[in-house]
C-alpha atoms as a PDB file:
ATOM      1  CA  MET A   1      -0.054   0.242   0.185  1.00  0.00           C
ATOM      2  CA  PRO A   2       1.425   3.769  -0.424  1.00  0.00           C
ATOM      3  CA  ALA A   3       3.163   5.443   2.521  1.00  0.00           C
ATOM      4  CA  THR A   4       0.676   7.719   2.758  1.00  0.00           C
ATOM      5  CA  SER A   5      -2.122   5.280   3.397  1.00  0.00           C
ATOM      6  CA  ARG A   6      -0.380   4.591   6.642  1.00  0.00           C
ATOM      7  CA  SER A   7      -2.255   6.777   8.985  1.00  0.00           C
ATOM      8  CA  TRP A   8      -5.625   6.314   8.187  1.00  0.00           C
ATOM      9  CA  CYS A   9      -4.931   2.042   8.102  1.00  0.00           C
ATOM     10  CA  HIS A  10      -4.408   2.376  11.083  1.00  0.00           C
ATOM     11  CA  ALA A  11      -6.469   4.698  12.279  1.00  0.00           C
ATOM     12  CA  TYR A  12      -8.973   2.214  10.296  1.00  0.00           C
ATOM     13  CA  ALA A  13      -7.723  -0.631  12.462  1.00  0.00           C
ATOM     14  CA  GLU A  14      -7.701   1.157  15.559  1.00  0.00           C
ATOM     15  CA  GLN A  15     -11.861   1.416  15.152  1.00  0.00           C
ATOM     16  CA  VAL A  16     -12.782  -1.990  13.065  1.00  0.00           C
ATOM     17  CA  GLY A  17     -10.538  -3.255  16.727  1.00  0.00           C
ATOM     18  CA  LEU A  18     -13.173  -1.124  18.813  1.00  0.00           C
ATOM     19  CA  ALA A  19     -16.177  -1.889  16.979  1.00  0.00           C
ATOM     20  CA  ILE A  20     -15.326  -5.950  17.264  1.00  0.00           C
ATOM     21  CA  THR A  21     -14.178  -5.710  21.033  1.00  0.00           C
ATOM     22  CA  THR A  22     -17.232  -3.322  22.092  1.00  0.00           C
ATOM     23  CA  GLY A  23     -19.524  -5.604  20.122  1.00  0.00           C
ATOM     24  CA  GLY A  24     -19.499  -8.386  21.911  1.00  0.00           C
ATOM     25  CA  TYR A  25     -18.052 -10.541  19.484  1.00  0.00           C
ATOM     26  CA  ASP A  26     -16.079 -13.761  20.110  1.00  0.00           C
ATOM     27  CA  VAL A  27     -12.690 -13.143  18.797  1.00  0.00           C
ATOM     28  CA  VAL A  28     -10.153 -15.924  17.778  1.00  0.00           C
ATOM     29  CA  GLY A  29      -6.859 -14.993  17.682  1.00  0.00           C
ATOM     30  CA  ASP A  30      -4.931 -10.875  18.050  1.00  0.00           C
ATOM     31  CA  LEU A  31      -7.331  -7.719  17.071  1.00  0.00           C
ATOM     32  CA  ALA A  32      -3.727  -6.470  16.478  1.00  0.00           C
ATOM     33  CA  ASP A  33      -3.495  -8.447  13.183  1.00  0.00           C
ATOM     34  CA  LEU A  34      -5.795  -5.788  11.686  1.00  0.00           C
ATOM     35  CA  ASP A  35      -2.887  -3.421  12.068  1.00  0.00           C
ATOM     36  CA  PRO A  36      -1.103  -4.106   8.598  1.00  0.00           C
ATOM     37  CA  PRO A  37       2.872  -4.320   9.106  1.00  0.00           C
ATOM     38  CA  GLU A  38       5.017  -1.338   7.741  1.00  0.00           C
ATOM     39  CA  SER A  39       6.249  -3.840   5.909  1.00  0.00           C
ATOM     40  CA  ALA A  40       3.002  -3.526   3.784  1.00  0.00           C
ATOM     41  CA  PHE A  41       4.287   0.445   2.906  1.00  0.00           C
ATOM     42  CA  THR A  42       6.314   1.329   0.069  1.00  0.00           C
ATOM     43  CA  ASP A  43       6.856   4.271  -0.985  1.00  0.00           C
ATOM     44  CA  ALA A  44       7.224   3.152  -4.444  1.00  0.00           C
ATOM     45  CA  PRO A  45       4.691   3.636  -7.107  1.00  0.00           C
ATOM     46  CA  GLN A  46       2.416   0.928  -7.283  1.00  0.00           C
ATOM     47  CA  MET A  47       2.258   0.063 -11.553  1.00  0.00           C
ATOM     48  CA  VAL A  48      -0.487  -1.813 -12.653  1.00  0.00           C
ATOM     49  CA  SER A  49      -1.206  -2.451 -16.177  1.00  0.00           C
ATOM     50  CA  GLU A  50      -4.358  -2.780 -18.370  1.00  0.00           C
ATOM     51  CA  SER A  51      -4.818  -5.776 -18.487  1.00  0.00           C
ATOM     52  CA  GLU A  52      -4.413  -6.551 -14.462  1.00  0.00           C
ATOM     53  CA  LEU A  53      -6.826  -3.646 -13.757  1.00  0.00           C
ATOM     54  CA  ALA A  54      -9.117  -4.790 -16.269  1.00  0.00           C
ATOM     55  CA  ALA A  55      -9.133  -8.555 -14.890  1.00  0.00           C
ATOM     56  CA  ALA A  56      -9.536  -6.864 -11.549  1.00  0.00           C
ATOM     57  CA  ALA A  57     -12.479  -5.190 -13.044  1.00  0.00           C
ATOM     58  CA  ILE A  58     -13.821  -8.313 -14.694  1.00  0.00           C
ATOM     59  CA  VAL A  59     -13.296 -10.313 -10.874  1.00  0.00           C
ATOM     60  CA  ALA A  60     -15.844  -7.034  -9.169  1.00  0.00           C
ATOM     61  CA  VAL A  61     -18.037  -6.989 -11.758  1.00  0.00           C
ATOM     62  CA  GLY A  62     -18.453 -10.778 -11.695  1.00  0.00           C
ATOM     63  CA  ALA A  63     -18.925 -10.437  -7.705  1.00  0.00           C
ATOM     64  CA  LEU A  64     -21.598  -7.536  -7.750  1.00  0.00           C
ATOM     65  CA  LEU A  65     -23.753  -9.499  -9.899  1.00  0.00           C
ATOM     66  CA  ALA A  66     -23.387 -12.342  -8.272  1.00  0.00           C
ATOM     67  CA  GLN A  67     -24.754 -10.276  -5.107  1.00  0.00           C
ATOM     68  CA  ARG A  68     -27.543  -8.797  -6.663  1.00  0.00           C
ATOM     69  CA  ALA A  69     -28.506 -11.827  -7.463  1.00  0.00           C
ATOM     70  CA  SER A  70     -28.504 -12.841  -4.961  1.00  0.00           C
ATOM     71  CA  GLU A  71     -30.728 -10.250  -2.975  1.00  0.00           C
ATOM     72  CA  VAL A  72     -33.078 -10.745  -6.313  1.00  0.00           C
ATOM     73  CA  GLU A  73     -33.349 -14.633  -5.288  1.00  0.00           C
ATOM     74  CA  ARG A  74     -34.182 -13.587  -1.910  1.00  0.00           C
ATOM     75  CA  THR A  75     -35.794 -11.191  -2.326  1.00  0.00           C
ATOM     76  CA  ARG A  76     -38.563 -12.869  -5.257  1.00  0.00           C
ATOM     77  CA  ALA A  77     -38.572 -16.174  -2.590  1.00  0.00           C
ATOM     78  CA  ALA A  78     -39.832 -14.058   0.944  1.00  0.00           C
ATOM     79  CA  ARG A  79     -42.490 -13.463  -1.938  1.00  0.00           C
ATOM     80  CA  GLY A  80     -43.699 -17.164  -1.910  1.00  0.00           C
END
């Protein structure tokens, strides 16, 4: 991840950990694992090829379509 996202990531991990803790959820493992290690951040430019971007977009659209199909199926089943 870009180094410029470091503070946001750490703050968000803390926020999620607090929500889990105060939400009464059973936790298996260490909530500190939600916080990305320093090795996850880089100052190097992140280059993505057009084919990598297209592949990610196809996966994302597929996931959205599957989610929507599931919602439609539940709605139809609820109507009888």
